[in-house]
Amino acid sequence: MKPIASSELIINKRGAVYHLDLRPEELAPTILTVGDPDRVQEVSKHFDSIEVRRQHREFIAHTGQLGNKRITVLSTGIGPDNIDIVLNELDALANIDFTTRTIKPELSSLSIIRLGTSGSLQADIPVDAFVAGTHGLGMDNLLHFYRLEQNEEEQLLIQSFITQTQVHNKISLPYISSASPSLLKHFTQGYHAGITVTCPGFYGPQGRILRLGLSSPQFVDRLTEFSFGQHRISNFEMETSAIYGLSRLLGHQCLSLNAIVANRVNQTFSSDGQAAVEKLIVHSLEIIAGI
């Protein structure tokens, strides 16, 4: 097998992958991703012990022990472009031999769970509630650079979504990928379920108007109104679809859990978003420790 060139897989002087600054032995098989670098310590403070602390740019990683489970919590920063870096480098740490620069003959599957914040698109999903994303629907273009094949249900969902929302190529060619059923089944009690839409921005792409007009002013309303069988769009944010799509392609298990800090239908915002996130962390860690 031909080694992967140094220009394609960048390994620094301490033998760590470039952006995340982690060595393979510093990564746990269960990974919690958070957008905000400051949120890493808000998760790891609940660990029984921490063995690794690394930081490079916006990527902070703590690896430690929670009960009998070894866990890495890692900040991704914001957006699908950062997720592209994070998911590819996590997979490299698990499935590429850094000495020979070759893919390992036996591949490992990581469990990757996002703990994030999000905006609700349904009146009955209030601020401070939790959402487990059944699917990640991407309004970004990241997965179009990869060979993502969608199953029959996902193809029907996308066709219905395009028809109902009248999305056109001027905005995006949407894609969709499902959460890991083996993870999702543990997060039902206390979590709303629905499709999580991932947007490539916070203002215009999420329908916010400050000084700039929007090309599709009714887009957010159409997201709220969308339905296909038992499926509806519960929330939107900026990372989930990239995590779901890349995890599927790389053979990892993934799930996105979000605390709702804004309800775009009722136009309300959490009075204490930090407390809502802390509750999400505590409740989710209790479940993760037992999986």
C-alpha atoms as a PDB file:
ATOM      1  CA  MET A   1       0.000   0.000   0.000  1.00  0.00           C
ATOM      2  CA  LYS A   2       1.356   3.397  -1.000  1.00  0.00           C
ATOM      3  CA  PRO A   3       2.039   5.679   2.009  1.00  0.00           C
ATOM      4  CA  ILE A   4      -0.086   8.811   2.360  1.00  0.00           C
ATOM      5  CA  ALA A   5       2.035  11.833   1.425  1.00  0.00           C
ATOM      6  CA  SER A   6       3.129  14.307   4.091  1.00  0.00           C
ATOM      7  CA  SER A   7       1.232  17.059   2.249  1.00  0.00           C
ATOM      8  CA  GLU A   8      -2.037  15.111   2.634  1.00  0.00           C
ATOM      9  CA  LEU A   9      -1.702  13.897   6.226  1.00  0.00           C
ATOM     10  CA  ILE A  10       0.245  16.454   8.232  1.00  0.00           C
ATOM     11  CA  ILE A  11       1.868  15.052  11.362  1.00  0.00           C
ATOM     12  CA  ASN A  12       3.728  17.482  13.643  1.00  0.00           C
ATOM     13  CA  LYS A  13       7.052  16.985  15.404  1.00  0.00           C
ATOM     14  CA  ARG A  14       5.511  15.332  18.437  1.00  0.00           C
ATOM     15  CA  GLY A  15       3.776  12.761  16.249  1.00  0.00           C
ATOM     16  CA  ALA A  16       0.339  14.364  16.474  1.00  0.00           C
ATOM     17  CA  VAL A  17      -2.145  15.120  13.703  1.00  0.00           C
ATOM     18  CA  TYR A  18      -1.769  18.762  12.672  1.00  0.00           C
ATOM     19  CA  HIS A  19      -4.980  20.629  13.580  1.00  0.00           C
ATOM     20  CA  LEU A  20      -6.123  18.642  16.598  1.00  0.00           C
ATOM     21  CA  ASP A  21      -2.596  18.158  17.970  1.00  0.00           C
ATOM     22  CA  LEU A  22      -3.501  14.679  19.218  1.00  0.00           C
ATOM     23  CA  ARG A  23      -1.519  11.463  18.980  1.00  0.00           C
ATOM     24  CA  PRO A  24      -3.418   8.217  18.334  1.00  0.00           C
ATOM     25  CA  GLU A  25      -2.984   6.970  21.898  1.00  0.00           C
ATOM     26  CA  GLU A  26      -4.436  10.246  23.242  1.00  0.00           C
ATOM     27  CA  LEU A  27      -7.816   9.665  21.606  1.00  0.00           C
ATOM     28  CA  ALA A  28     -10.612   7.699  23.290  1.00  0.00           C
ATOM     29  CA  PRO A  29     -13.090   5.550  21.314  1.00  0.00           C
ATOM     30  CA  THR A  30     -15.992   7.720  22.550  1.00  0.00           C
ATOM     31  CA  ILE A  31     -15.749  11.365  21.475  1.00  0.00           C
ATOM     32  CA  LEU A  32     -17.939  14.273  22.524  1.00  0.00           C
ATOM     33  CA  THR A  33     -17.746  17.295  20.238  1.00  0.00           C
ATOM     34  CA  VAL A  34     -18.670  20.826  21.317  1.00  0.00           C
ATOM     35  CA  GLY A  35     -18.511  23.968  19.241  1.00  0.00           C
ATOM     36  CA  ASP A  36     -17.314  26.370  21.926  1.00  0.00           C
ATOM     37  CA  PRO A  37     -13.724  25.773  23.144  1.00  0.00           C
ATOM     38  CA  ASP A  38     -14.751  26.984  26.622  1.00  0.00           C
ATOM     39  CA  ARG A  39     -17.331  24.197  26.780  1.00  0.00           C
ATOM     40  CA  VAL A  40     -14.637  21.491  26.818  1.00  0.00           C
ATOM     41  CA  GLN A  41     -13.844  22.086  30.478  1.00  0.00           C
ATOM     42  CA  GLU A  42     -17.561  22.298  31.251  1.00  0.00           C
ATOM     43  CA  VAL A  43     -17.809  18.697  30.078  1.00  0.00           C
ATOM     44  CA  SER A  44     -14.507  17.342  31.390  1.00  0.00           C
ATOM     45  CA  LYS A  45     -15.112  18.728  34.893  1.00  0.00           C
ATOM     46  CA  HIS A  46     -17.553  15.849  35.260  1.00  0.00           C
ATOM     47  CA  PHE A  47     -14.885  13.233  34.432  1.00  0.00           C
ATOM     48  CA  ASP A  48     -13.392  11.152  37.249  1.00  0.00           C
ATOM     49  CA  SER A  49      -9.917  11.914  35.887  1.00  0.00           C
ATOM     50  CA  ILE A  50      -8.253  13.699  32.964  1.00  0.00           C
ATOM     51  CA  GLU A  51      -5.102  12.259  31.412  1.00  0.00           C
ATOM     52  CA  VAL A  52      -4.671  14.429  28.286  1.00  0.00           C
ATOM     53  CA  ARG A  53      -5.112  18.169  27.725  1.00  0.00           C
ATOM     54  CA  ARG A  54      -4.185  19.567  24.304  1.00  0.00           C
ATOM     55  CA  GLN A  55      -4.929  22.842  22.533  1.00  0.00           C
ATOM     56  CA  HIS A  56      -4.194  24.112  19.016  1.00  0.00           C
ATOM     57  CA  ARG A  57      -6.107  27.061  17.578  1.00  0.00           C
ATOM     58  CA  GLU A  58      -9.816  26.560  18.347  1.00  0.00           C
ATOM     59  CA  PHE A  59      -9.347  22.838  18.870  1.00  0.00           C
ATOM     60  CA  ILE A  60      -9.140  21.912  22.560  1.00  0.00           C
ATOM     61  CA  ALA A  61      -9.183  18.261  23.615  1.00  0.00           C
ATOM     62  CA  HIS A  62      -9.431  16.617  27.026  1.00  0.00           C
ATOM     63  CA  THR A  63      -9.281  12.832  27.340  1.00  0.00           C
ATOM     64  CA  GLY A  64     -10.228  11.207  30.602  1.00  0.00           C
ATOM     65  CA  GLN A  65     -12.228   8.614  32.434  1.00  0.00           C
ATOM     66  CA  LEU A  66     -15.922   8.646  33.355  1.00  0.00           C
ATOM     67  CA  GLY A  67     -16.718   5.509  35.303  1.00  0.00           C
ATOM     68  CA  ASN A  68     -15.502   2.625  33.176  1.00  0.00           C
ATOM     69  CA  LYS A  69     -15.594   4.632  29.950  1.00  0.00           C
ATOM     70  CA  ARG A  70     -12.658   6.496  28.396  1.00  0.00           C
ATOM     71  CA  ILE A  71     -13.901   9.669  26.681  1.00  0.00           C
ATOM     72  CA  THR A  72     -12.398  12.498  24.655  1.00  0.00           C
ATOM     73  CA  VAL A  73     -14.203  15.848  24.601  1.00  0.00           C
ATOM     74  CA  LEU A  74     -13.135  18.054  21.711  1.00  0.00           C
ATOM     75  CA  SER A  75     -14.064  21.554  20.544  1.00  0.00           C
ATOM     76  CA  THR A  76     -14.721  21.900  16.819  1.00  0.00           C
ATOM     77  CA  GLY A  77     -15.330  25.602  16.400  1.00  0.00           C
ATOM     78  CA  ILE A  78     -18.248  26.662  14.209  1.00  0.00           C
ATOM     79  CA  GLY A  79     -19.366  25.384  10.833  1.00  0.00           C
ATOM     80  CA  PRO A  80     -19.152  22.450   8.404  1.00  0.00           C
ATOM     81  CA  ASP A  81     -15.667  23.464   7.226  1.00  0.00           C
ATOM     82  CA  ASN A  82     -14.287  22.867  10.734  1.00  0.00           C
ATOM     83  CA  ILE A  83     -16.187  19.572  10.951  1.00  0.00           C
ATOM     84  CA  ASP A  84     -14.409  18.460   7.773  1.00  0.00           C
ATOM     85  CA  ILE A  85     -11.089  18.944   9.575  1.00  0.00           C
ATOM     86  CA  VAL A  86     -12.229  17.337  12.823  1.00  0.00           C
ATOM     87  CA  LEU A  87     -13.869  14.210  11.385  1.00  0.00           C
ATOM     88  CA  ASN A  88     -11.069  13.460   8.940  1.00  0.00           C
ATOM     89  CA  GLU A  89      -8.400  13.891  11.608  1.00  0.00           C
ATOM     90  CA  LEU A  90     -10.312  11.823  14.170  1.00  0.00           C
ATOM     91  CA  ASP A  91     -10.571   9.035  11.619  1.00  0.00           C
ATOM     92  CA  ALA A  92      -6.881   9.352  10.789  1.00  0.00           C
ATOM     93  CA  LEU A  93      -6.020   8.958  14.482  1.00  0.00           C
ATOM     94  CA  ALA A  94      -8.111   5.796  14.672  1.00  0.00           C
ATOM     95  CA  ASN A  95      -7.469   4.179  11.311  1.00  0.00           C
ATOM     96  CA  ILE A  96      -4.118   5.297   9.875  1.00  0.00           C
ATOM     97  CA  ASP A  97      -0.747   4.041  11.064  1.00  0.00           C
ATOM     98  CA  PHE A  98       1.239   7.223  11.677  1.00  0.00           C
ATOM     99  CA  THR A  99       4.570   5.391  11.394  1.00  0.00           C
ATOM    100  CA  THR A 100       3.983   3.856   7.968  1.00  0.00           C
ATOM    101  CA  ARG A 101       1.381   6.427   6.832  1.00  0.00           C
ATOM    102  CA  THR A 102      -0.824   3.589   5.612  1.00  0.00           C
ATOM    103  CA  ILE A 103      -4.431   2.665   6.354  1.00  0.00           C
ATOM    104  CA  LYS A 104      -4.691  -0.006   9.028  1.00  0.00           C
ATOM    105  CA  PRO A 105      -5.879  -3.433   7.810  1.00  0.00           C
ATOM    106  CA  GLU A 106      -8.558  -3.526  10.530  1.00  0.00           C
ATOM    107  CA  LEU A 107     -10.618  -0.351  10.898  1.00  0.00           C
ATOM    108  CA  SER A 108     -12.061   1.024  14.137  1.00  0.00           C
ATOM    109  CA  SER A 109     -15.475   2.640  14.525  1.00  0.00           C
ATOM    110  CA  LEU A 110     -15.626   5.632  16.846  1.00  0.00           C
ATOM    111  CA  SER A 111     -18.711   6.846  18.720  1.00  0.00           C
ATOM    112  CA  ILE A 112     -19.053  10.588  18.078  1.00  0.00           C
ATOM    113  CA  ILE A 113     -21.708  12.588  19.944  1.00  0.00           C
ATOM    114  CA  ARG A 114     -22.207  16.328  19.495  1.00  0.00           C
ATOM    115  CA  LEU A 115     -23.313  18.358  22.529  1.00  0.00           C
ATOM    116  CA  GLY A 116     -24.385  21.676  21.080  1.00  0.00           C
ATOM    117  CA  THR A 117     -26.818  24.569  21.050  1.00  0.00           C
ATOM    118  CA  SER A 118     -29.511  25.140  18.496  1.00  0.00           C
ATOM    119  CA  GLY A 119     -32.615  27.058  17.484  1.00  0.00           C
ATOM    120  CA  SER A 120     -36.030  25.393  17.534  1.00  0.00           C
ATOM    121  CA  LEU A 121     -38.215  25.536  14.438  1.00  0.00           C
ATOM    122  CA  GLN A 122     -41.340  24.188  16.139  1.00  0.00           C
ATOM    123  CA  ALA A 123     -43.594  26.042  18.605  1.00  0.00           C
ATOM    124  CA  ASP A 124     -43.893  22.944  20.794  1.00  0.00           C
ATOM    125  CA  ILE A 125     -40.115  22.572  21.262  1.00  0.00           C
ATOM    126  CA  PRO A 126     -39.455  25.366  23.778  1.00  0.00           C
ATOM    127  CA  VAL A 127     -36.228  27.031  24.816  1.00  0.00           C
ATOM    128  CA  ASP A 128     -34.148  24.987  27.279  1.00  0.00           C
ATOM    129  CA  ALA A 129     -35.497  21.716  25.790  1.00  0.00           C
ATOM    130  CA  PHE A 130     -33.203  19.011  24.341  1.00  0.00           C
ATOM    131  CA  VAL A 131     -33.293  17.635  20.792  1.00  0.00           C
ATOM    132  CA  ALA A 132     -31.754  14.429  19.439  1.00  0.00           C
ATOM    133  CA  GLY A 133     -31.377  14.728  15.676  1.00  0.00           C
ATOM    134  CA  THR A 134     -32.770  11.743  13.781  1.00  0.00           C
ATOM    135  CA  HIS A 135     -31.206  13.096  10.585  1.00  0.00           C
ATOM    136  CA  GLY A 136     -28.812  15.855   9.597  1.00  0.00           C
ATOM    137  CA  LEU A 137     -30.047  17.804   6.570  1.00  0.00           C
ATOM    138  CA  GLY A 138     -27.299  19.905   5.031  1.00  0.00           C
ATOM    139  CA  MET A 139     -27.843  23.272   3.400  1.00  0.00           C
ATOM    140  CA  ASP A 140     -24.064  23.578   3.049  1.00  0.00           C
ATOM    141  CA  ASN A 141     -22.066  21.989   0.227  1.00  0.00           C
ATOM    142  CA  LEU A 142     -19.466  19.975   2.182  1.00  0.00           C
ATOM    143  CA  LEU A 143     -20.709  16.464   1.444  1.00  0.00           C
ATOM    144  CA  HIS A 144     -20.928  17.197  -2.289  1.00  0.00           C
ATOM    145  CA  PHE A 145     -17.126  16.936  -2.313  1.00  0.00           C
ATOM    146  CA  TYR A 146     -17.455  13.297  -1.164  1.00  0.00           C
ATOM    147  CA  ARG A 147     -19.259  10.225  -2.485  1.00  0.00           C
ATOM    148  CA  LEU A 148     -22.253  10.177  -0.170  1.00  0.00           C
ATOM    149  CA  GLU A 149     -24.901   7.638  -1.159  1.00  0.00           C
ATOM    150  CA  GLN A 150     -28.300   8.124   0.411  1.00  0.00           C
ATOM    151  CA  ASN A 151     -30.673   5.262   1.187  1.00  0.00           C
ATOM    152  CA  GLU A 152     -34.209   5.076  -0.185  1.00  0.00           C
ATOM    153  CA  GLU A 153     -35.832   6.828   2.784  1.00  0.00           C
ATOM    154  CA  GLU A 154     -33.266   9.634   2.663  1.00  0.00           C
ATOM    155  CA  GLN A 155     -33.781  10.087  -1.078  1.00  0.00           C
ATOM    156  CA  LEU A 156     -37.528  10.383  -0.558  1.00  0.00           C
ATOM    157  CA  LEU A 157     -37.007  12.850   2.297  1.00  0.00           C
ATOM    158  CA  ILE A 158     -34.781  15.074   0.170  1.00  0.00           C
ATOM    159  CA  GLN A 159     -37.141  14.957  -2.823  1.00  0.00           C
ATOM    160  CA  SER A 160     -40.063  15.919  -0.586  1.00  0.00           C
ATOM    161  CA  PHE A 161     -37.989  18.631   1.110  1.00  0.00           C
ATOM    162  CA  ILE A 162     -37.028  20.225  -2.199  1.00  0.00           C
ATOM    163  CA  THR A 163     -40.625  20.076  -3.441  1.00  0.00           C
ATOM    164  CA  GLN A 164     -42.157  21.542  -0.275  1.00  0.00           C
ATOM    165  CA  THR A 165     -39.566  24.217   0.440  1.00  0.00           C
ATOM    166  CA  GLN A 166     -38.862  25.129  -3.203  1.00  0.00           C
ATOM    167  CA  VAL A 167     -35.136  25.162  -2.496  1.00  0.00           C
ATOM    168  CA  HIS A 168     -33.266  25.981  -5.680  1.00  0.00           C
ATOM    169  CA  ASN A 169     -29.643  25.669  -6.703  1.00  0.00           C
ATOM    170  CA  LYS A 170     -29.053  29.362  -6.089  1.00  0.00           C
ATOM    171  CA  ILE A 171     -29.163  28.545  -2.367  1.00  0.00           C
ATOM    172  CA  SER A 172     -28.050  24.938  -2.082  1.00  0.00           C
ATOM    173  CA  LEU A 173     -28.422  21.377  -3.255  1.00  0.00           C
ATOM    174  CA  PRO A 174     -29.436  19.788   0.062  1.00  0.00           C
ATOM    175  CA  TYR A 175     -28.296  16.389   1.295  1.00  0.00           C
ATOM    176  CA  ILE A 176     -29.319  14.246   4.244  1.00  0.00           C
ATOM    177  CA  SER A 177     -27.821  11.535   6.435  1.00  0.00           C
ATOM    178  CA  SER A 178     -29.239   9.591   9.372  1.00  0.00           C
ATOM    179  CA  ALA A 179     -28.084   9.399  12.972  1.00  0.00           C
ATOM    180  CA  SER A 180     -26.687   6.140  14.294  1.00  0.00           C
ATOM    181  CA  PRO A 181     -29.655   4.009  15.440  1.00  0.00           C
ATOM    182  CA  SER A 182     -27.428   2.285  18.034  1.00  0.00           C
ATOM    183  CA  LEU A 183     -26.807   5.653  19.715  1.00  0.00           C
ATOM    184  CA  LEU A 184     -30.162   7.334  19.064  1.00  0.00           C
ATOM    185  CA  LYS A 185     -32.107   4.601  20.856  1.00  0.00           C
ATOM    186  CA  HIS A 186     -30.533   5.629  24.185  1.00  0.00           C
ATOM    187  CA  PHE A 187     -31.662   9.266  23.899  1.00  0.00           C
ATOM    188  CA  THR A 188     -35.452   9.195  23.809  1.00  0.00           C
ATOM    189  CA  GLN A 189     -36.641  10.047  27.315  1.00  0.00           C
ATOM    190  CA  GLY A 190     -36.219  13.774  27.904  1.00  0.00           C
ATOM    191  CA  TYR A 191     -35.250  14.515  24.275  1.00  0.00           C
ATOM    192  CA  HIS A 192     -37.398  15.750  21.415  1.00  0.00           C
ATOM    193  CA  ALA A 193     -36.664  14.016  18.105  1.00  0.00           C
ATOM    194  CA  GLY A 194     -36.584  15.456  14.610  1.00  0.00           C
ATOM    195  CA  ILE A 195     -34.522  16.424  11.595  1.00  0.00           C
ATOM    196  CA  THR A 196     -31.720  18.857  12.367  1.00  0.00           C
ATOM    197  CA  VAL A 197     -30.962  21.260   9.502  1.00  0.00           C
ATOM    198  CA  THR A 198     -27.392  22.506   9.180  1.00  0.00           C
ATOM    199  CA  CYS A 199     -26.891  25.994   7.741  1.00  0.00           C
ATOM    200  CA  PRO A 200     -23.639  27.499   6.388  1.00  0.00           C
ATOM    201  CA  GLY A 201     -24.088  30.680   8.409  1.00  0.00           C
ATOM    202  CA  PHE A 202     -25.834  32.237  11.412  1.00  0.00           C
ATOM    203  CA  TYR A 203     -27.554  35.303   9.962  1.00  0.00           C
ATOM    204  CA  GLY A 204     -28.895  35.160   6.401  1.00  0.00           C
ATOM    205  CA  PRO A 205     -28.752  31.352   6.103  1.00  0.00           C
ATOM    206  CA  GLN A 206     -30.860  31.101   9.265  1.00  0.00           C
ATOM    207  CA  GLY A 207     -33.294  33.796   8.157  1.00  0.00           C
ATOM    208  CA  ARG A 208     -32.008  36.619  10.368  1.00  0.00           C
ATOM    209  CA  ILE A 209     -32.270  40.135   8.996  1.00  0.00           C
ATOM    210  CA  LEU A 210     -30.046  42.938  10.275  1.00  0.00           C
ATOM    211  CA  ARG A 211     -29.101  45.268   7.397  1.00  0.00           C
ATOM    212  CA  LEU A 212     -29.174  42.799   4.489  1.00  0.00           C
ATOM    213  CA  GLY A 213     -32.232  41.508   2.690  1.00  0.00           C
ATOM    214  CA  LEU A 214     -32.767  37.798   2.063  1.00  0.00           C
ATOM    215  CA  SER A 215     -33.043  36.023  -1.289  1.00  0.00           C
ATOM    216  CA  SER A 216     -35.672  33.624   0.159  1.00  0.00           C
ATOM    217  CA  PRO A 217     -37.528  35.447   2.976  1.00  0.00           C
ATOM    218  CA  GLN A 218     -39.977  32.555   3.494  1.00  0.00           C
ATOM    219  CA  PHE A 219     -37.325  29.848   3.797  1.00  0.00           C
ATOM    220  CA  VAL A 220     -37.450  29.483   7.607  1.00  0.00           C
ATOM    221  CA  ASP A 221     -41.263  29.255   7.544  1.00  0.00           C
ATOM    222  CA  ARG A 222     -41.017  26.496   4.956  1.00  0.00           C
ATOM    223  CA  LEU A 223     -38.598  24.564   7.162  1.00  0.00           C
ATOM    224  CA  THR A 224     -41.112  24.754  10.016  1.00  0.00           C
ATOM    225  CA  GLU A 225     -43.954  23.618   7.765  1.00  0.00           C
ATOM    226  CA  PHE A 226     -42.100  20.684   6.184  1.00  0.00           C
ATOM    227  CA  SER A 227     -43.363  17.188   6.948  1.00  0.00           C
ATOM    228  CA  PHE A 228     -42.839  13.765   5.438  1.00  0.00           C
ATOM    229  CA  GLY A 229     -44.686  10.910   7.120  1.00  0.00           C
ATOM    230  CA  GLN A 230     -43.623  10.993  10.777  1.00  0.00           C
ATOM    231  CA  HIS A 231     -40.679  13.292  10.022  1.00  0.00           C
ATOM    232  CA  ARG A 232     -40.488  17.032  10.599  1.00  0.00           C
ATOM    233  CA  ILE A 233     -37.687  19.556  11.053  1.00  0.00           C
ATOM    234  CA  SER A 234     -37.129  20.203  14.741  1.00  0.00           C
ATOM    235  CA  ASN A 235     -34.174  22.597  14.808  1.00  0.00           C
ATOM    236  CA  PHE A 236     -31.265  24.098  12.932  1.00  0.00           C
ATOM    237  CA  GLU A 237     -27.624  24.862  13.663  1.00  0.00           C
ATOM    238  CA  MET A 238     -24.257  24.701  11.838  1.00  0.00           C
ATOM    239  CA  GLU A 239     -22.554  21.299  12.290  1.00  0.00           C
ATOM    240  CA  THR A 240     -24.816  18.227  12.426  1.00  0.00           C
ATOM    241  CA  SER A 241     -25.223  17.270   8.756  1.00  0.00           C
ATOM    242  CA  ALA A 242     -21.445  17.316   8.229  1.00  0.00           C
ATOM    243  CA  ILE A 243     -20.919  15.087  11.272  1.00  0.00           C
ATOM    244  CA  TYR A 244     -23.592  12.642  10.123  1.00  0.00           C
ATOM    245  CA  GLY A 245     -22.461  12.495   6.504  1.00  0.00           C
ATOM    246  CA  LEU A 246     -18.743  12.125   7.163  1.00  0.00           C
ATOM    247  CA  SER A 247     -19.305   9.651  10.005  1.00  0.00           C
ATOM    248  CA  ARG A 248     -21.343   7.440   7.699  1.00  0.00           C
ATOM    249  CA  LEU A 249     -18.692   7.535   4.970  1.00  0.00           C
ATOM    250  CA  LEU A 250     -15.903   6.778   7.449  1.00  0.00           C
ATOM    251  CA  GLY A 251     -17.789   4.046   9.305  1.00  0.00           C
ATOM    252  CA  HIS A 252     -18.289   5.812  12.636  1.00  0.00           C
ATOM    253  CA  GLN A 253     -21.392   6.011  14.853  1.00  0.00           C
ATOM    254  CA  CYS A 254     -22.731   9.523  15.412  1.00  0.00           C
ATOM    255  CA  LEU A 255     -25.467  11.488  17.123  1.00  0.00           C
ATOM    256  CA  SER A 256     -26.201  15.190  17.598  1.00  0.00           C
ATOM    257  CA  LEU A 257     -27.749  16.376  20.868  1.00  0.00           C
ATOM    258  CA  ASN A 258     -28.684  20.032  21.209  1.00  0.00           C
ATOM    259  CA  ALA A 259     -29.961  22.339  23.924  1.00  0.00           C
ATOM    260  CA  ILE A 260     -32.511  24.754  22.465  1.00  0.00           C
ATOM    261  CA  VAL A 261     -31.471  28.322  23.246  1.00  0.00           C
ATOM    262  CA  ALA A 262     -33.831  30.073  20.809  1.00  0.00           C
ATOM    263  CA  ASN A 263     -37.311  29.362  19.480  1.00  0.00           C
ATOM    264  CA  ARG A 264     -37.604  30.992  16.069  1.00  0.00           C
ATOM    265  CA  VAL A 265     -41.375  30.428  15.840  1.00  0.00           C
ATOM    266  CA  ASN A 266     -42.190  32.063  19.175  1.00  0.00           C
ATOM    267  CA  GLN A 267     -39.220  34.451  18.847  1.00  0.00           C
ATOM    268  CA  THR A 268     -38.001  33.655  22.346  1.00  0.00           C
ATOM    269  CA  PHE A 269     -34.476  33.211  23.690  1.00  0.00           C
ATOM    270  CA  SER A 270     -33.332  31.295  26.753  1.00  0.00           C
ATOM    271  CA  SER A 271     -32.940  33.408  29.884  1.00  0.00           C
ATOM    272  CA  ASP A 272     -29.996  31.206  30.917  1.00  0.00           C
ATOM    273  CA  GLY A 273     -28.530  29.306  27.977  1.00  0.00           C
ATOM    274  CA  GLN A 274     -25.491  28.270  29.991  1.00  0.00           C
ATOM    275  CA  ALA A 275     -27.702  26.493  32.527  1.00  0.00           C
ATOM    276  CA  ALA A 276     -29.547  24.711  29.710  1.00  0.00           C
ATOM    277  CA  VAL A 277     -26.251  23.494  28.259  1.00  0.00           C
ATOM    278  CA  GLU A 278     -25.083  22.307  31.682  1.00  0.00           C
ATOM    279  CA  LYS A 279     -28.284  20.280  32.083  1.00  0.00           C
ATOM    280  CA  LEU A 280     -27.758  18.767  28.624  1.00  0.00           C
ATOM    281  CA  ILE A 281     -24.191  17.827  29.535  1.00  0.00           C
ATOM    282  CA  VAL A 282     -25.099  16.245  32.877  1.00  0.00           C
ATOM    283  CA  HIS A 283     -28.109  14.332  31.567  1.00  0.00           C
ATOM    284  CA  SER A 284     -26.283  13.116  28.449  1.00  0.00           C
ATOM    285  CA  LEU A 285     -23.144  12.061  30.333  1.00  0.00           C
ATOM    286  CA  GLU A 286     -25.254   9.899  32.645  1.00  0.00           C
ATOM    287  CA  ILE A 287     -26.544   8.032  29.597  1.00  0.00           C
ATOM    288  CA  ILE A 288     -23.194   7.925  27.757  1.00  0.00           C
ATOM    289  CA  ALA A 289     -21.428   6.441  30.790  1.00  0.00           C
ATOM    290  CA  GLY A 290     -23.827   3.511  30.697  1.00  0.00           C
ATOM    291  CA  ILE A 291     -23.714   2.757  26.977  1.00  0.00           C
END
